[in-house]
Amino acid sequence: MASLLPGTDSHILADPPRLDFLDRQTLRLIRPMTALEAWNAVMARPLPLMALAFRLRDAVSARFGVRPIGGFSGARRQAVKVGERLDFFLVEHAAPQVLVLTERDRHLDVMTCITTSGGELAITSSVITHNRYGRIYMWPVAPAHRLIVRHMLRRMAQG
């Protein structure tokens, strides 16, 4: 974990000026929960078309030597440890209120940090691209990511 987003407890890959993408979205929690419980709640109701989007991503990315990630399984986890995987993400840090997940390849590094503190859930994603493919990949992914997280949090709030 390289850095904390200033003014938050959210981990990011590097200081904000060095990032190629940064998004932090929050939701007021109706009850206290751990970061893993928040992950389970967000993943419990997958957005329509997400499976198709991941299949498309995997098909296109395979042409550039990127391993398939397959998407989100929706499987609930009771516990996770550093070094384990939550779907395609590597767990780099696991504490009751902070869950740091990464996916790294030769094109880009992605870190998603889920925090639950002060009655708030925050999902913070940061990306550093390494080459032209990583930058091109992020053109459609950046705005889509913001919308997807917004809708996932909205669905979680609705129960």
N, C-alpha and C. Protein backbone atom coordinates (compact mmCIF):
# COMPACT_ATOMS: atom_id res chain seq x y z
N MET A 1 0.84 -1.16 0.00
CA MET A 1 0.00 0.00 0.00
C MET A 1 0.89 1.23 0.00
N ALA A 2 0.72 2.03 -0.98
CA ALA A 2 1.64 3.12 -1.17
C ALA A 2 1.28 4.38 -0.40
N SER A 3 -0.01 4.64 -0.20
CA SER A 3 -0.39 5.94 0.30
C SER A 3 -1.81 5.91 0.86
N LEU A 4 -2.14 6.91 1.63
CA LEU A 4 -3.52 7.13 2.05
C LEU A 4 -4.03 8.35 1.30
N LEU A 5 -5.28 8.27 0.87
CA LEU A 5 -5.91 9.43 0.26
C LEU A 5 -6.04 10.49 1.35
N PRO A 6 -5.49 11.68 1.14
CA PRO A 6 -5.52 12.70 2.19
C PRO A 6 -6.93 12.93 2.75
N GLY A 7 -7.01 13.02 4.08
CA GLY A 7 -8.27 13.28 4.75
C GLY A 7 -9.18 12.07 4.90
N THR A 8 -8.68 10.88 4.54
CA THR A 8 -9.49 9.66 4.60
C THR A 8 -8.65 8.52 5.18
N ASP A 9 -9.29 7.38 5.36
CA ASP A 9 -8.56 6.17 5.72
C ASP A 9 -8.49 5.21 4.54
N SER A 10 -8.66 5.75 3.33
CA SER A 10 -8.65 4.96 2.10
C SER A 10 -7.24 4.84 1.52
N HIS A 11 -6.83 3.62 1.27
CA HIS A 11 -5.53 3.35 0.67
C HIS A 11 -5.61 3.56 -0.84
N ILE A 12 -4.55 4.13 -1.40
CA ILE A 12 -4.43 4.33 -2.85
C ILE A 12 -3.03 3.93 -3.28
N LEU A 13 -2.85 3.71 -4.58
CA LEU A 13 -1.57 3.21 -5.10
C LEU A 13 -0.41 4.19 -4.93
N ALA A 14 -0.70 5.48 -5.01
CA ALA A 14 0.35 6.50 -4.94
C ALA A 14 -0.31 7.82 -4.58
N ASP A 15 0.47 8.84 -4.38
CA ASP A 15 -0.10 10.16 -4.14
C ASP A 15 -0.97 10.55 -5.33
N PRO A 16 -2.09 11.24 -5.09
CA PRO A 16 -3.04 11.54 -6.17
C PRO A 16 -2.46 12.12 -7.46
N PRO A 17 -1.47 13.02 -7.42
CA PRO A 17 -0.96 13.54 -8.70
C PRO A 17 -0.30 12.47 -9.59
N ARG A 18 0.13 11.36 -8.98
CA ARG A 18 0.79 10.29 -9.74
C ARG A 18 -0.19 9.27 -10.31
N LEU A 19 -1.46 9.37 -9.93
CA LEU A 19 -2.47 8.40 -10.37
C LEU A 19 -3.03 8.77 -11.74
N ASP A 20 -3.40 7.75 -12.50
CA ASP A 20 -4.07 7.95 -13.78
C ASP A 20 -5.58 7.90 -13.63
N PHE A 21 -6.05 7.38 -12.50
CA PHE A 21 -7.48 7.33 -12.21
C PHE A 21 -7.66 7.27 -10.71
N LEU A 22 -8.62 8.04 -10.22
CA LEU A 22 -8.96 8.02 -8.80
C LEU A 22 -10.45 8.27 -8.68
N ASP A 23 -11.13 7.40 -7.94
CA ASP A 23 -12.56 7.56 -7.71
C ASP A 23 -12.86 7.11 -6.29
N ARG A 24 -13.58 7.95 -5.55
CA ARG A 24 -14.01 7.59 -4.19
C ARG A 24 -15.48 7.92 -4.07
N GLN A 25 -16.26 6.91 -3.72
CA GLN A 25 -17.70 7.10 -3.55
C GLN A 25 -18.10 6.56 -2.19
N THR A 26 -19.07 7.21 -1.57
CA THR A 26 -19.45 6.86 -0.21
C THR A 26 -20.95 6.62 -0.09
N LEU A 27 -21.28 5.95 0.99
CA LEU A 27 -22.67 5.65 1.32
C LEU A 27 -22.79 5.68 2.83
N ARG A 28 -23.78 6.40 3.34
CA ARG A 28 -24.06 6.41 4.78
C ARG A 28 -24.65 5.05 5.13
N LEU A 29 -24.07 4.38 6.12
CA LEU A 29 -24.53 3.05 6.52
C LEU A 29 -25.69 3.16 7.51
N ILE A 30 -26.66 2.27 7.38
CA ILE A 30 -27.78 2.27 8.32
C ILE A 30 -27.45 1.45 9.57
N ARG A 31 -26.40 0.64 9.49
CA ARG A 31 -25.92 -0.12 10.64
C ARG A 31 -24.41 -0.32 10.47
N PRO A 32 -23.69 -0.45 11.57
CA PRO A 32 -22.25 -0.70 11.46
C PRO A 32 -22.00 -2.03 10.75
N MET A 33 -20.95 -2.07 9.96
CA MET A 33 -20.53 -3.32 9.32
C MET A 33 -19.05 -3.28 9.05
N THR A 34 -18.48 -4.45 8.88
CA THR A 34 -17.06 -4.54 8.54
C THR A 34 -16.89 -4.31 7.04
N ALA A 35 -15.66 -4.11 6.64
CA ALA A 35 -15.37 -3.93 5.21
C ALA A 35 -15.74 -5.18 4.42
N LEU A 36 -15.49 -6.36 4.98
CA LEU A 36 -15.85 -7.59 4.27
C LEU A 36 -17.37 -7.75 4.18
N GLU A 37 -18.10 -7.39 5.24
CA GLU A 37 -19.55 -7.42 5.17
C GLU A 37 -20.06 -6.47 4.09
N ALA A 38 -19.41 -5.32 3.96
CA ALA A 38 -19.79 -4.36 2.91
C ALA A 38 -19.53 -4.97 1.53
N TRP A 39 -18.37 -5.60 1.35
CA TRP A 39 -18.07 -6.28 0.08
C TRP A 39 -19.18 -7.29 -0.24
N ASN A 40 -19.51 -8.13 0.73
CA ASN A 40 -20.54 -9.14 0.52
C ASN A 40 -21.88 -8.50 0.16
N ALA A 41 -22.23 -7.42 0.83
CA ALA A 41 -23.50 -6.74 0.55
C ALA A 41 -23.53 -6.13 -0.85
N VAL A 42 -22.44 -5.50 -1.24
CA VAL A 42 -22.37 -4.88 -2.58
C VAL A 42 -22.41 -5.96 -3.66
N MET A 43 -21.71 -7.06 -3.44
CA MET A 43 -21.62 -8.12 -4.44
C MET A 43 -22.85 -9.03 -4.47
N ALA A 44 -23.70 -8.93 -3.45
CA ALA A 44 -24.87 -9.82 -3.36
C ALA A 44 -25.88 -9.56 -4.47
N ARG A 45 -25.89 -8.35 -5.00
CA ARG A 45 -26.85 -8.00 -6.05
C ARG A 45 -26.10 -7.50 -7.28
N PRO A 46 -25.61 -8.40 -8.12
CA PRO A 46 -24.84 -7.97 -9.28
C PRO A 46 -25.70 -7.15 -10.24
N LEU A 47 -25.06 -6.18 -10.84
CA LEU A 47 -25.76 -5.35 -11.82
C LEU A 47 -26.04 -6.16 -13.08
N PRO A 48 -27.19 -5.95 -13.69
CA PRO A 48 -27.46 -6.61 -14.97
C PRO A 48 -26.37 -6.23 -15.98
N LEU A 49 -26.02 -7.12 -16.82
CA LEU A 49 -25.04 -6.94 -17.90
C LEU A 49 -23.58 -6.94 -17.43
N MET A 50 -23.31 -7.05 -16.11
CA MET A 50 -21.92 -7.07 -15.67
C MET A 50 -21.19 -8.31 -16.19
N ALA A 51 -21.85 -9.45 -16.18
CA ALA A 51 -21.21 -10.68 -16.67
C ALA A 51 -20.83 -10.51 -18.14
N LEU A 52 -21.72 -9.92 -18.93
CA LEU A 52 -21.44 -9.66 -20.34
C LEU A 52 -20.27 -8.69 -20.49
N ALA A 53 -20.26 -7.65 -19.68
CA ALA A 53 -19.17 -6.66 -19.75
C ALA A 53 -17.82 -7.32 -19.45
N PHE A 54 -17.78 -8.21 -18.46
CA PHE A 54 -16.53 -8.89 -18.13
C PHE A 54 -16.12 -9.85 -19.24
N ARG A 55 -17.08 -10.54 -19.85
CA ARG A 55 -16.73 -11.43 -20.97
C ARG A 55 -16.15 -10.63 -22.12
N LEU A 56 -16.73 -9.48 -22.42
CA LEU A 56 -16.21 -8.61 -23.48
C LEU A 56 -14.82 -8.11 -23.11
N ARG A 57 -14.64 -7.68 -21.88
CA ARG A 57 -13.33 -7.22 -21.42
C ARG A 57 -12.29 -8.32 -21.58
N ASP A 58 -12.62 -9.53 -21.16
CA ASP A 58 -11.67 -10.64 -21.25
C ASP A 58 -11.33 -10.98 -22.70
N ALA A 59 -12.32 -10.95 -23.58
CA ALA A 59 -12.08 -11.27 -25.00
C ALA A 59 -11.16 -10.24 -25.64
N VAL A 60 -11.40 -8.97 -25.40
CA VAL A 60 -10.56 -7.92 -25.99
C VAL A 60 -9.17 -7.93 -25.36
N SER A 61 -9.11 -8.03 -24.05
CA SER A 61 -7.82 -7.97 -23.36
C SER A 61 -6.92 -9.16 -23.68
N ALA A 62 -7.51 -10.31 -23.98
CA ALA A 62 -6.71 -11.50 -24.31
C ALA A 62 -5.82 -11.24 -25.52
N ARG A 63 -6.27 -10.41 -26.42
CA ARG A 63 -5.47 -10.09 -27.61
C ARG A 63 -4.21 -9.31 -27.26
N PHE A 64 -4.16 -8.77 -26.04
CA PHE A 64 -3.01 -7.98 -25.61
C PHE A 64 -2.25 -8.68 -24.48
N GLY A 65 -2.49 -9.97 -24.34
CA GLY A 65 -1.75 -10.76 -23.37
C GLY A 65 -2.18 -10.57 -21.93
N VAL A 66 -3.40 -10.08 -21.73
CA VAL A 66 -3.91 -9.87 -20.37
C VAL A 66 -4.73 -11.09 -19.98
N ARG A 67 -4.46 -11.63 -18.80
CA ARG A 67 -5.19 -12.82 -18.37
C ARG A 67 -6.65 -12.47 -18.10
N PRO A 68 -7.55 -13.41 -18.34
CA PRO A 68 -8.97 -13.15 -18.06
C PRO A 68 -9.21 -13.02 -16.57
N ILE A 69 -10.17 -12.16 -16.21
CA ILE A 69 -10.49 -12.01 -14.79
C ILE A 69 -11.84 -12.63 -14.44
N GLY A 70 -12.69 -12.83 -15.44
CA GLY A 70 -13.93 -13.55 -15.23
C GLY A 70 -15.05 -12.80 -14.56
N GLY A 71 -14.76 -11.75 -13.83
CA GLY A 71 -15.83 -10.98 -13.20
C GLY A 71 -16.07 -11.36 -11.76
N PHE A 72 -17.22 -10.96 -11.27
CA PHE A 72 -17.58 -11.18 -9.86
C PHE A 72 -18.44 -12.41 -9.72
N SER A 73 -18.12 -13.23 -8.73
CA SER A 73 -18.84 -14.49 -8.53
C SER A 73 -20.09 -14.33 -7.68
N GLY A 74 -20.12 -13.32 -6.83
CA GLY A 74 -21.23 -13.16 -5.89
C GLY A 74 -21.10 -14.06 -4.68
N ALA A 75 -20.02 -14.84 -4.61
CA ALA A 75 -19.81 -15.74 -3.46
C ALA A 75 -19.55 -14.94 -2.19
N ARG A 76 -20.24 -15.28 -1.14
CA ARG A 76 -20.05 -14.62 0.16
C ARG A 76 -18.84 -15.23 0.86
N ARG A 77 -18.09 -14.38 1.51
CA ARG A 77 -16.94 -14.84 2.29
C ARG A 77 -17.13 -14.44 3.74
N GLN A 78 -16.80 -15.34 4.63
CA GLN A 78 -16.90 -15.06 6.07
C GLN A 78 -15.61 -14.44 6.61
N ALA A 79 -14.51 -14.73 5.92
CA ALA A 79 -13.21 -14.20 6.34
C ALA A 79 -12.28 -14.21 5.13
N VAL A 80 -11.32 -13.31 5.14
CA VAL A 80 -10.26 -13.30 4.13
C VAL A 80 -8.94 -12.97 4.81
N LYS A 81 -7.86 -13.45 4.20
CA LYS A 81 -6.52 -13.18 4.70
C LYS A 81 -5.70 -12.57 3.58
N VAL A 82 -4.69 -11.84 3.97
CA VAL A 82 -3.74 -11.29 3.01
C VAL A 82 -3.20 -12.44 2.17
N GLY A 83 -3.14 -12.25 0.86
CA GLY A 83 -2.64 -13.26 -0.05
C GLY A 83 -3.74 -14.09 -0.70
N GLU A 84 -4.94 -14.08 -0.13
CA GLU A 84 -6.07 -14.79 -0.74
C GLU A 84 -6.68 -13.92 -1.83
N ARG A 85 -7.61 -14.50 -2.56
CA ARG A 85 -8.30 -13.76 -3.61
C ARG A 85 -9.77 -13.62 -3.28
N LEU A 86 -10.28 -12.44 -3.58
CA LEU A 86 -11.71 -12.19 -3.63
C LEU A 86 -12.00 -12.00 -5.11
N ASP A 87 -12.61 -13.01 -5.70
CA ASP A 87 -12.78 -13.05 -7.15
C ASP A 87 -11.41 -12.83 -7.80
N PHE A 88 -11.25 -11.85 -8.65
CA PHE A 88 -9.98 -11.64 -9.34
C PHE A 88 -9.01 -10.76 -8.55
N PHE A 89 -9.46 -10.17 -7.47
CA PHE A 89 -8.61 -9.27 -6.68
C PHE A 89 -7.75 -10.05 -5.69
N LEU A 90 -6.51 -9.61 -5.53
CA LEU A 90 -5.62 -10.10 -4.49
C LEU A 90 -5.87 -9.28 -3.23
N VAL A 91 -6.05 -9.92 -2.10
CA VAL A 91 -6.23 -9.22 -0.83
C VAL A 91 -4.84 -8.81 -0.34
N GLU A 92 -4.59 -7.51 -0.27
CA GLU A 92 -3.30 -7.00 0.19
C GLU A 92 -3.34 -6.54 1.64
N HIS A 93 -4.53 -6.23 2.12
CA HIS A 93 -4.68 -5.83 3.52
C HIS A 93 -6.10 -6.17 3.94
N ALA A 94 -6.25 -6.77 5.10
CA ALA A 94 -7.57 -7.13 5.60
C ALA A 94 -7.65 -6.82 7.08
N ALA A 95 -8.46 -5.84 7.41
CA ALA A 95 -8.73 -5.47 8.79
C ALA A 95 -10.24 -5.27 8.89
N PRO A 96 -10.77 -5.23 10.09
CA PRO A 96 -12.23 -5.11 10.18
C PRO A 96 -12.82 -3.93 9.40
N GLN A 97 -12.18 -2.78 9.43
CA GLN A 97 -12.75 -1.61 8.75
C GLN A 97 -12.07 -1.26 7.43
N VAL A 98 -11.06 -2.02 7.03
CA VAL A 98 -10.33 -1.71 5.80
C VAL A 98 -10.01 -2.99 5.04
N LEU A 99 -10.38 -3.01 3.78
CA LEU A 99 -10.08 -4.13 2.90
C LEU A 99 -9.42 -3.54 1.66
N VAL A 100 -8.17 -3.94 1.39
CA VAL A 100 -7.43 -3.43 0.24
C VAL A 100 -7.25 -4.57 -0.76
N LEU A 101 -7.76 -4.34 -1.97
CA LEU A 101 -7.76 -5.34 -3.04
C LEU A 101 -7.00 -4.79 -4.24
N THR A 102 -6.20 -5.65 -4.88
CA THR A 102 -5.45 -5.19 -6.05
C THR A 102 -5.53 -6.20 -7.19
N GLU A 103 -5.29 -5.68 -8.36
CA GLU A 103 -5.07 -6.50 -9.56
C GLU A 103 -3.99 -5.77 -10.33
N ARG A 104 -2.92 -6.47 -10.62
CA ARG A 104 -1.77 -5.85 -11.29
C ARG A 104 -1.36 -6.68 -12.49
N ASP A 105 -1.05 -6.00 -13.57
CA ASP A 105 -0.46 -6.68 -14.73
C ASP A 105 0.50 -5.72 -15.40
N ARG A 106 1.01 -6.09 -16.56
CA ARG A 106 2.04 -5.25 -17.19
C ARG A 106 1.45 -3.97 -17.78
N HIS A 107 0.13 -3.88 -17.88
CA HIS A 107 -0.51 -2.70 -18.47
C HIS A 107 -0.97 -1.68 -17.44
N LEU A 108 -1.41 -2.18 -16.26
CA LEU A 108 -1.86 -1.25 -15.22
C LEU A 108 -1.95 -1.94 -13.88
N ASP A 109 -1.94 -1.12 -12.84
CA ASP A 109 -2.17 -1.58 -11.48
C ASP A 109 -3.48 -0.95 -11.01
N VAL A 110 -4.31 -1.77 -10.36
CA VAL A 110 -5.58 -1.30 -9.83
C VAL A 110 -5.62 -1.61 -8.35
N MET A 111 -6.05 -0.65 -7.55
CA MET A 111 -6.28 -0.87 -6.13
C MET A 111 -7.67 -0.38 -5.79
N THR A 112 -8.43 -1.25 -5.15
CA THR A 112 -9.75 -0.87 -4.63
C THR A 112 -9.70 -1.06 -3.13
N CYS A 113 -10.07 0.00 -2.42
CA CYS A 113 -10.06 -0.01 -0.96
C CYS A 113 -11.49 0.20 -0.47
N ILE A 114 -11.93 -0.72 0.36
CA ILE A 114 -13.26 -0.63 0.95
C ILE A 114 -13.07 -0.30 2.42
N THR A 115 -13.66 0.81 2.86
CA THR A 115 -13.55 1.20 4.26
C THR A 115 -14.94 1.39 4.84
N THR A 116 -15.08 1.04 6.10
CA THR A 116 -16.32 1.24 6.84
C THR A 116 -15.96 1.84 8.19
N SER A 117 -16.10 3.13 8.30
CA SER A 117 -15.82 3.78 9.58
C SER A 117 -16.66 5.05 9.67
N GLY A 118 -16.92 5.46 10.90
CA GLY A 118 -17.70 6.67 11.11
C GLY A 118 -19.09 6.60 10.51
N GLY A 119 -19.64 5.39 10.40
CA GLY A 119 -20.99 5.25 9.84
C GLY A 119 -21.06 5.38 8.33
N GLU A 120 -19.90 5.27 7.69
CA GLU A 120 -19.85 5.47 6.24
C GLU A 120 -19.09 4.32 5.57
N LEU A 121 -19.59 3.91 4.43
CA LEU A 121 -18.89 2.99 3.54
C LEU A 121 -18.26 3.81 2.43
N ALA A 122 -16.99 3.59 2.18
CA ALA A 122 -16.31 4.25 1.05
C ALA A 122 -15.66 3.19 0.18
N ILE A 123 -15.84 3.34 -1.12
CA ILE A 123 -15.14 2.51 -2.10
C ILE A 123 -14.24 3.44 -2.88
N THR A 124 -12.94 3.22 -2.74
CA THR A 124 -11.95 4.07 -3.38
C THR A 124 -11.13 3.22 -4.34
N SER A 125 -11.09 3.64 -5.59
CA SER A 125 -10.29 2.91 -6.59
C SER A 125 -9.25 3.85 -7.17
N SER A 126 -8.04 3.31 -7.31
CA SER A 126 -6.95 4.07 -7.92
C SER A 126 -6.26 3.19 -8.95
N VAL A 127 -5.76 3.84 -9.99
CA VAL A 127 -5.12 3.12 -11.09
C VAL A 127 -3.86 3.86 -11.52
N ILE A 128 -2.83 3.09 -11.80
CA ILE A 128 -1.63 3.60 -12.46
C ILE A 128 -1.46 2.77 -13.73
N THR A 129 -1.39 3.45 -14.85
CA THR A 129 -1.18 2.75 -16.13
C THR A 129 0.32 2.68 -16.42
N HIS A 130 0.72 1.63 -17.15
CA HIS A 130 2.13 1.43 -17.45
C HIS A 130 2.49 1.61 -18.92
N ASN A 131 1.49 1.59 -19.78
CA ASN A 131 1.79 1.66 -21.21
C ASN A 131 0.56 2.14 -21.99
N ARG A 132 0.70 2.19 -23.30
CA ARG A 132 -0.37 2.69 -24.16
C ARG A 132 -1.64 1.87 -24.01
N TYR A 133 -1.53 0.55 -23.96
CA TYR A 133 -2.73 -0.28 -23.81
C TYR A 133 -3.45 0.05 -22.50
N GLY A 134 -2.71 0.21 -21.42
CA GLY A 134 -3.32 0.56 -20.14
C GLY A 134 -4.07 1.88 -20.21
N ARG A 135 -3.49 2.87 -20.90
CA ARG A 135 -4.16 4.17 -21.02
C ARG A 135 -5.41 4.07 -21.90
N ILE A 136 -5.32 3.33 -23.01
CA ILE A 136 -6.48 3.15 -23.89
C ILE A 136 -7.57 2.36 -23.17
N TYR A 137 -7.18 1.34 -22.44
CA TYR A 137 -8.12 0.53 -21.67
C TYR A 137 -8.94 1.40 -20.72
N MET A 138 -8.29 2.37 -20.09
CA MET A 138 -8.97 3.20 -19.10
C MET A 138 -9.93 4.21 -19.72
N TRP A 139 -9.82 4.52 -21.00
CA TRP A 139 -10.75 5.49 -21.61
C TRP A 139 -12.20 5.09 -21.38
N PRO A 140 -12.62 3.89 -21.74
CA PRO A 140 -14.01 3.53 -21.46
C PRO A 140 -14.23 3.05 -20.03
N VAL A 141 -13.19 2.48 -19.42
CA VAL A 141 -13.36 1.89 -18.09
C VAL A 141 -13.55 2.96 -17.01
N ALA A 142 -12.85 4.07 -17.10
CA ALA A 142 -12.95 5.11 -16.06
C ALA A 142 -14.39 5.60 -15.88
N PRO A 143 -15.04 6.09 -16.93
CA PRO A 143 -16.42 6.55 -16.72
C PRO A 143 -17.37 5.40 -16.38
N ALA A 144 -17.15 4.23 -16.96
CA ALA A 144 -18.00 3.08 -16.64
C ALA A 144 -17.84 2.69 -15.17
N HIS A 145 -16.61 2.71 -14.68
CA HIS A 145 -16.36 2.35 -13.29
C HIS A 145 -17.14 3.26 -12.35
N ARG A 146 -17.08 4.56 -12.60
CA ARG A 146 -17.80 5.51 -11.73
C ARG A 146 -19.30 5.20 -11.69
N LEU A 147 -19.87 4.93 -12.86
CA LEU A 147 -21.30 4.61 -12.92
C LEU A 147 -21.63 3.29 -12.23
N ILE A 148 -20.80 2.30 -12.46
CA ILE A 148 -21.04 0.98 -11.87
C ILE A 148 -21.01 1.06 -10.35
N VAL A 149 -19.99 1.70 -9.79
CA VAL A 149 -19.89 1.80 -8.33
C VAL A 149 -21.07 2.60 -7.79
N ARG A 150 -21.43 3.69 -8.44
CA ARG A 150 -22.57 4.50 -8.01
C ARG A 150 -23.84 3.64 -7.96
N HIS A 151 -24.08 2.86 -9.00
CA HIS A 151 -25.28 2.02 -9.05
C HIS A 151 -25.22 0.88 -8.02
N MET A 152 -24.03 0.31 -7.82
CA MET A 152 -23.90 -0.76 -6.83
C MET A 152 -24.19 -0.23 -5.42
N LEU A 153 -23.70 0.95 -5.12
CA LEU A 153 -23.97 1.54 -3.81
C LEU A 153 -25.46 1.89 -3.65
N ARG A 154 -26.04 2.40 -4.71
CA ARG A 154 -27.48 2.72 -4.68
C ARG A 154 -28.30 1.47 -4.43
N ARG A 155 -27.96 0.37 -5.12
CA ARG A 155 -28.70 -0.89 -4.93
C ARG A 155 -28.51 -1.42 -3.51
N MET A 156 -27.30 -1.27 -2.97
CA MET A 156 -27.06 -1.71 -1.60
C MET A 156 -27.92 -0.90 -0.63
N ALA A 157 -28.02 0.39 -0.85
CA ALA A 157 -28.81 1.25 0.04
C ALA A 157 -30.30 0.88 -0.01
N GLN A 158 -30.75 0.40 -1.15
CA GLN A 158 -32.15 0.02 -1.29
C GLN A 158 -32.46 -1.32 -0.65
N GLY A 159 -31.41 -2.04 -0.32
CA GLY A 159 -31.61 -3.34 0.35
C GLY A 159 -31.73 -4.39 -0.61
